[in-house]
Amino acid sequence: MITISRIMEKIDLKTLNDNVFDLIGKEWVLITAGTKNGGFNMMTASWGCLGWLWNKPVAVIFVRPERYTHQFVEAGEYVTLSFLGNGSEAREIYNYCGSKSGRDSDKVQATGLRPVETETGGITYEQSRLTLECRKLYKDSIKPECFIDSSIEKWYGANGGYHDIYVLEIINAYK
């Protein structure tokens, strides 16, 4: 049984001054979808974008349909992006959640993650130094016929299926 608490401090998104290239590309992020009662899963990502689109603060995430987390992203309205930092505990969690499937293991139990419920019922973690709570706005899929630079194809085939792309409105930020 997972105990879920509420111990985060809500912050103004405008106060963030993290370098987005470091935040996603070097620190990495846990993408979590689902709820306490409906079940949830998380995965590690090192690809993504943060910015401004449709007059909203947004995050763009990429999730392969074969990932277990994909079904939770599809089923719900909200997704959290949890940044754990660069410490050794964070690296272990990121590595585990990026290499193991929630179909086959209890990632919370295996990593020691301590789930926290957000305002909308989403899930983040006590270990998170920053959480972005997001609402889905748009979805599309990577299409091989749209590649302009054929070198991108190396990320697919034997490496997995084509990603689904989600544009998410950032509705809350927590520290």
C-alpha atoms as a PDB file:
ATOM      1  CA  MET A   1       0.000   0.000   0.000  1.00  0.00           C
ATOM      2  CA  ILE A   2       1.423   3.366  -1.030  1.00  0.00           C
ATOM      3  CA  THR A   3       1.019   6.234   1.405  1.00  0.00           C
ATOM      4  CA  ILE A   4       0.591   9.507  -0.438  1.00  0.00           C
ATOM      5  CA  SER A   5       1.059  12.821   1.322  1.00  0.00           C
ATOM      6  CA  ARG A   6       0.725  16.495   0.361  1.00  0.00           C
ATOM      7  CA  ILE A   7       3.850  18.365   1.461  1.00  0.00           C
ATOM      8  CA  MET A   8       4.828  20.547  -1.487  1.00  0.00           C
ATOM      9  CA  GLU A   9       5.059  24.305  -1.712  1.00  0.00           C
ATOM     10  CA  LYS A  10       3.281  25.811  -4.706  1.00  0.00           C
ATOM     11  CA  ILE A  11       5.407  28.441  -6.465  1.00  0.00           C
ATOM     12  CA  ASP A  12       4.907  31.049  -9.174  1.00  0.00           C
ATOM     13  CA  LEU A  13       6.113  29.638 -12.487  1.00  0.00           C
ATOM     14  CA  LYS A  14       7.602  33.050 -13.308  1.00  0.00           C
ATOM     15  CA  THR A  15      10.134  32.661 -10.484  1.00  0.00           C
ATOM     16  CA  LEU A  16      11.875  29.736 -12.190  1.00  0.00           C
ATOM     17  CA  ASN A  17      15.250  30.479 -13.703  1.00  0.00           C
ATOM     18  CA  ASP A  18      16.578  26.991 -14.425  1.00  0.00           C
ATOM     19  CA  ASN A  19      18.448  26.475 -17.694  1.00  0.00           C
ATOM     20  CA  VAL A  20      15.990  24.329 -19.684  1.00  0.00           C
ATOM     21  CA  PHE A  21      18.795  22.650 -21.629  1.00  0.00           C
ATOM     22  CA  ASP A  22      20.384  21.469 -18.388  1.00  0.00           C
ATOM     23  CA  LEU A  23      17.049  20.735 -16.739  1.00  0.00           C
ATOM     24  CA  ILE A  24      15.927  18.155 -19.295  1.00  0.00           C
ATOM     25  CA  GLY A  25      19.048  17.174 -21.200  1.00  0.00           C
ATOM     26  CA  LYS A  26      21.441  16.791 -18.259  1.00  0.00           C
ATOM     27  CA  GLU A  27      19.344  16.475 -15.090  1.00  0.00           C
ATOM     28  CA  TRP A  28      16.545  14.449 -16.720  1.00  0.00           C
ATOM     29  CA  VAL A  29      12.930  14.211 -15.570  1.00  0.00           C
ATOM     30  CA  LEU A  30      10.384  11.685 -14.358  1.00  0.00           C
ATOM     31  CA  ILE A  31       7.187  11.782 -16.408  1.00  0.00           C
ATOM     32  CA  THR A  32       4.352  10.481 -14.236  1.00  0.00           C
ATOM     33  CA  ALA A  33       0.733   9.917 -15.223  1.00  0.00           C
ATOM     34  CA  GLY A  34      -2.187   8.383 -13.368  1.00  0.00           C
ATOM     35  CA  THR A  35      -3.664   8.814  -9.913  1.00  0.00           C
ATOM     36  CA  LYS A  36      -3.529   7.344  -6.431  1.00  0.00           C
ATOM     37  CA  ASN A  37      -6.777   5.411  -6.887  1.00  0.00           C
ATOM     38  CA  GLY A  38      -6.465   4.596 -10.581  1.00  0.00           C
ATOM     39  CA  GLY A  39      -2.833   3.577 -10.492  1.00  0.00           C
ATOM     40  CA  PHE A  40       0.131   5.449 -11.924  1.00  0.00           C
ATOM     41  CA  ASN A  41       3.496   4.904 -13.511  1.00  0.00           C
ATOM     42  CA  MET A  42       6.584   6.953 -14.157  1.00  0.00           C
ATOM     43  CA  MET A  43       9.367   6.899 -16.720  1.00  0.00           C
ATOM     44  CA  THR A  44      12.621   8.770 -17.137  1.00  0.00           C
ATOM     45  CA  ALA A  45      13.019  11.186 -20.026  1.00  0.00           C
ATOM     46  CA  SER A  46      15.983  13.157 -21.293  1.00  0.00           C
ATOM     47  CA  TRP A  47      14.143  14.548 -24.313  1.00  0.00           C
ATOM     48  CA  GLY A  48      11.603  17.325 -24.023  1.00  0.00           C
ATOM     49  CA  CYS A  49      10.952  21.035 -24.332  1.00  0.00           C
ATOM     50  CA  LEU A  50       9.755  23.887 -22.171  1.00  0.00           C
ATOM     51  CA  GLY A  51       8.512  27.155 -23.597  1.00  0.00           C
ATOM     52  CA  TRP A  52       5.607  29.297 -24.653  1.00  0.00           C
ATOM     53  CA  LEU A  53       2.926  28.223 -27.149  1.00  0.00           C
ATOM     54  CA  TRP A  54      -0.677  29.260 -27.780  1.00  0.00           C
ATOM     55  CA  ASN A  55      -0.164  32.036 -25.226  1.00  0.00           C
ATOM     56  CA  LYS A  56       0.463  29.439 -22.505  1.00  0.00           C
ATOM     57  CA  PRO A  57       3.508  28.101 -20.653  1.00  0.00           C
ATOM     58  CA  VAL A  58       4.019  24.595 -22.045  1.00  0.00           C
ATOM     59  CA  ALA A  59       6.069  21.445 -21.840  1.00  0.00           C
ATOM     60  CA  VAL A  60       6.461  19.068 -24.760  1.00  0.00           C
ATOM     61  CA  ILE A  61       7.086  15.409 -23.958  1.00  0.00           C
ATOM     62  CA  PHE A  62       7.789  12.392 -26.144  1.00  0.00           C
ATOM     63  CA  VAL A  63       6.517   8.954 -25.093  1.00  0.00           C
ATOM     64  CA  ARG A  64       6.814   5.759 -27.113  1.00  0.00           C
ATOM     65  CA  PRO A  65       3.495   3.848 -27.306  1.00  0.00           C
ATOM     66  CA  GLU A  66       5.167   0.660 -26.068  1.00  0.00           C
ATOM     67  CA  ARG A  67       6.132   2.294 -22.758  1.00  0.00           C
ATOM     68  CA  TYR A  68       3.869   1.324 -19.831  1.00  0.00           C
ATOM     69  CA  THR A  69       3.550   5.003 -18.856  1.00  0.00           C
ATOM     70  CA  HIS A  70       1.960   5.704 -22.251  1.00  0.00           C
ATOM     71  CA  GLN A  71      -1.358   4.085 -21.274  1.00  0.00           C
ATOM     72  CA  PHE A  72      -1.567   6.328 -18.189  1.00  0.00           C
ATOM     73  CA  VAL A  73      -0.755   9.459 -20.222  1.00  0.00           C
ATOM     74  CA  GLU A  74      -3.460   8.466 -22.693  1.00  0.00           C
ATOM     75  CA  ALA A  75      -6.081   7.768 -20.024  1.00  0.00           C
ATOM     76  CA  GLY A  76      -5.765  10.928 -17.954  1.00  0.00           C
ATOM     77  CA  GLU A  77      -5.928  14.666 -18.356  1.00  0.00           C
ATOM     78  CA  TYR A  78      -2.849  15.520 -16.264  1.00  0.00           C
ATOM     79  CA  VAL A  79       0.846  14.634 -16.254  1.00  0.00           C
ATOM     80  CA  THR A  80       3.573  15.653 -13.819  1.00  0.00           C
ATOM     81  CA  LEU A  81       7.196  16.355 -14.637  1.00  0.00           C
ATOM     82  CA  SER A  82       9.389  15.776 -11.582  1.00  0.00           C
ATOM     83  CA  PHE A  83      12.981  16.971 -11.474  1.00  0.00           C
ATOM     84  CA  LEU A  84      14.988  15.159  -8.802  1.00  0.00           C
ATOM     85  CA  GLY A  85      18.350  16.913  -9.175  1.00  0.00           C
ATOM     86  CA  ASN A  86      21.711  15.437 -10.068  1.00  0.00           C
ATOM     87  CA  GLY A  87      22.688  13.674  -6.828  1.00  0.00           C
ATOM     88  CA  SER A  88      23.539   9.975  -6.618  1.00  0.00           C
ATOM     89  CA  GLU A  89      20.061   9.017  -5.290  1.00  0.00           C
ATOM     90  CA  ALA A  90      18.418  10.898  -8.179  1.00  0.00           C
ATOM     91  CA  ARG A  91      20.676   9.179 -10.745  1.00  0.00           C
ATOM     92  CA  GLU A  92      19.810   5.757  -9.325  1.00  0.00           C
ATOM     93  CA  ILE A  93      16.082   6.552  -9.502  1.00  0.00           C
ATOM     94  CA  TYR A  94      16.346   7.957 -13.033  1.00  0.00           C
ATOM     95  CA  ASN A  95      18.375   4.960 -14.207  1.00  0.00           C
ATOM     96  CA  TYR A  96      15.964   2.452 -12.675  1.00  0.00           C
ATOM     97  CA  CYS A  97      12.800   4.188 -13.924  1.00  0.00           C
ATOM     98  CA  GLY A  98      14.324   4.523 -17.389  1.00  0.00           C
ATOM     99  CA  SER A  99      15.367   0.897 -17.704  1.00  0.00           C
ATOM    100  CA  LYS A 100      12.621  -1.077 -15.914  1.00  0.00           C
ATOM    101  CA  SER A 101       8.966  -1.392 -16.791  1.00  0.00           C
ATOM    102  CA  GLY A 102       6.192  -0.753 -14.306  1.00  0.00           C
ATOM    103  CA  ARG A 103       4.486  -3.796 -15.851  1.00  0.00           C
ATOM    104  CA  ASP A 104       7.178  -5.997 -14.308  1.00  0.00           C
ATOM    105  CA  SER A 105       8.229  -4.175 -11.152  1.00  0.00           C
ATOM    106  CA  ASP A 106       7.007  -1.794  -8.474  1.00  0.00           C
ATOM    107  CA  LYS A 107       9.169   1.230  -9.230  1.00  0.00           C
ATOM    108  CA  VAL A 108       8.087   3.059  -6.069  1.00  0.00           C
ATOM    109  CA  GLN A 109       9.136   0.148  -3.881  1.00  0.00           C
ATOM    110  CA  ALA A 110      12.354  -0.533  -5.812  1.00  0.00           C
ATOM    111  CA  THR A 111      13.573   3.077  -5.811  1.00  0.00           C
ATOM    112  CA  GLY A 112      12.267   4.380  -2.493  1.00  0.00           C
ATOM    113  CA  LEU A 113      10.276   7.108  -4.226  1.00  0.00           C
ATOM    114  CA  ARG A 114       7.807   8.760  -1.843  1.00  0.00           C
ATOM    115  CA  PRO A 115       4.654   9.723  -3.813  1.00  0.00           C
ATOM    116  CA  VAL A 116       2.921  13.039  -3.186  1.00  0.00           C
ATOM    117  CA  GLU A 117      -0.522  13.893  -4.560  1.00  0.00           C
ATOM    118  CA  THR A 118      -0.829  17.208  -6.422  1.00  0.00           C
ATOM    119  CA  GLU A 119      -3.731  19.639  -6.462  1.00  0.00           C
ATOM    120  CA  THR A 120      -5.354  17.873  -9.436  1.00  0.00           C
ATOM    121  CA  GLY A 121      -4.770  14.373  -8.032  1.00  0.00           C
ATOM    122  CA  GLY A 122      -1.618  13.749 -10.052  1.00  0.00           C
ATOM    123  CA  ILE A 123       1.477  12.166  -8.554  1.00  0.00           C
ATOM    124  CA  THR A 124       4.915  13.612  -7.873  1.00  0.00           C
ATOM    125  CA  TYR A 125       7.526  12.699  -5.267  1.00  0.00           C
ATOM    126  CA  GLU A 126       8.978  14.057  -2.036  1.00  0.00           C
ATOM    127  CA  GLN A 127      12.415  13.743  -3.648  1.00  0.00           C
ATOM    128  CA  SER A 128      11.428  16.179  -6.404  1.00  0.00           C
ATOM    129  CA  ARG A 129      13.206  19.537  -6.192  1.00  0.00           C
ATOM    130  CA  LEU A 130      10.814  20.908  -8.823  1.00  0.00           C
ATOM    131  CA  THR A 131       7.523  19.566 -10.163  1.00  0.00           C
ATOM    132  CA  LEU A 132       5.580  20.916 -13.097  1.00  0.00           C
ATOM    133  CA  GLU A 133       1.944  19.860 -13.085  1.00  0.00           C
ATOM    134  CA  CYS A 134       0.578  19.836 -16.613  1.00  0.00           C
ATOM    135  CA  ARG A 135      -2.680  19.436 -18.514  1.00  0.00           C
ATOM    136  CA  LYS A 136      -2.721  17.783 -21.933  1.00  0.00           C
ATOM    137  CA  LEU A 137      -3.475  20.160 -24.819  1.00  0.00           C
ATOM    138  CA  TYR A 138      -2.384  18.378 -28.001  1.00  0.00           C
ATOM    139  CA  LYS A 139      -1.111  15.033 -29.258  1.00  0.00           C
ATOM    140  CA  ASP A 140       0.476  13.913 -32.484  1.00  0.00           C
ATOM    141  CA  SER A 141       2.874  11.160 -33.518  1.00  0.00           C
ATOM    142  CA  ILE A 142       6.317  11.191 -35.079  1.00  0.00           C
ATOM    143  CA  LYS A 143       5.915  10.222 -38.724  1.00  0.00           C
ATOM    144  CA  PRO A 144       8.932   8.884 -40.621  1.00  0.00           C
ATOM    145  CA  GLU A 145       7.741  10.458 -43.868  1.00  0.00           C
ATOM    146  CA  CYS A 146       8.080  13.870 -42.188  1.00  0.00           C
ATOM    147  CA  PHE A 147      11.808  13.507 -41.408  1.00  0.00           C
ATOM    148  CA  ILE A 148      13.706  16.207 -43.258  1.00  0.00           C
ATOM    149  CA  ASP A 149      17.042  15.055 -41.828  1.00  0.00           C
ATOM    150  CA  SER A 150      17.308  11.280 -42.385  1.00  0.00           C
ATOM    151  CA  SER A 151      19.888  10.926 -39.581  1.00  0.00           C
ATOM    152  CA  ILE A 152      16.982  11.142 -37.100  1.00  0.00           C
ATOM    153  CA  GLU A 153      15.851   7.685 -38.204  1.00  0.00           C
ATOM    154  CA  LYS A 154      18.680   6.134 -36.155  1.00  0.00           C
ATOM    155  CA  TRP A 155      16.575   6.723 -32.999  1.00  0.00           C
ATOM    156  CA  TYR A 156      13.880   4.333 -34.258  1.00  0.00           C
ATOM    157  CA  GLY A 157      13.554   0.815 -35.653  1.00  0.00           C
ATOM    158  CA  ALA A 158      15.570  -1.468 -33.379  1.00  0.00           C
ATOM    159  CA  ASN A 159      15.561   1.328 -30.741  1.00  0.00           C
ATOM    160  CA  GLY A 160      11.749   1.353 -30.456  1.00  0.00           C
ATOM    161  CA  GLY A 161       8.596   2.716 -32.027  1.00  0.00           C
ATOM    162  CA  TYR A 162       7.889   6.280 -33.078  1.00  0.00           C
ATOM    163  CA  HIS A 163       7.142   8.628 -30.195  1.00  0.00           C
ATOM    164  CA  ASP A 164       3.812  10.238 -29.501  1.00  0.00           C
ATOM    165  CA  ILE A 165       4.262  13.959 -28.884  1.00  0.00           C
ATOM    166  CA  TYR A 166       2.230  15.689 -26.188  1.00  0.00           C
ATOM    167  CA  VAL A 167       2.010  19.447 -25.717  1.00  0.00           C
ATOM    168  CA  LEU A 168       1.127  20.095 -22.087  1.00  0.00           C
ATOM    169  CA  GLU A 169       0.035  23.330 -20.456  1.00  0.00           C
ATOM    170  CA  ILE A 170       1.991  23.927 -17.246  1.00  0.00           C
ATOM    171  CA  ILE A 171      -0.756  24.740 -14.729  1.00  0.00           C
ATOM    172  CA  ASN A 172       1.157  24.539 -11.423  1.00  0.00           C
ATOM    173  CA  ALA A 173       4.736  24.476 -10.224  1.00  0.00           C
ATOM    174  CA  TYR A 174       5.894  23.059  -6.883  1.00  0.00           C
ATOM    175  CA  LYS A 175       9.133  22.988  -4.924  1.00  0.00           C
END
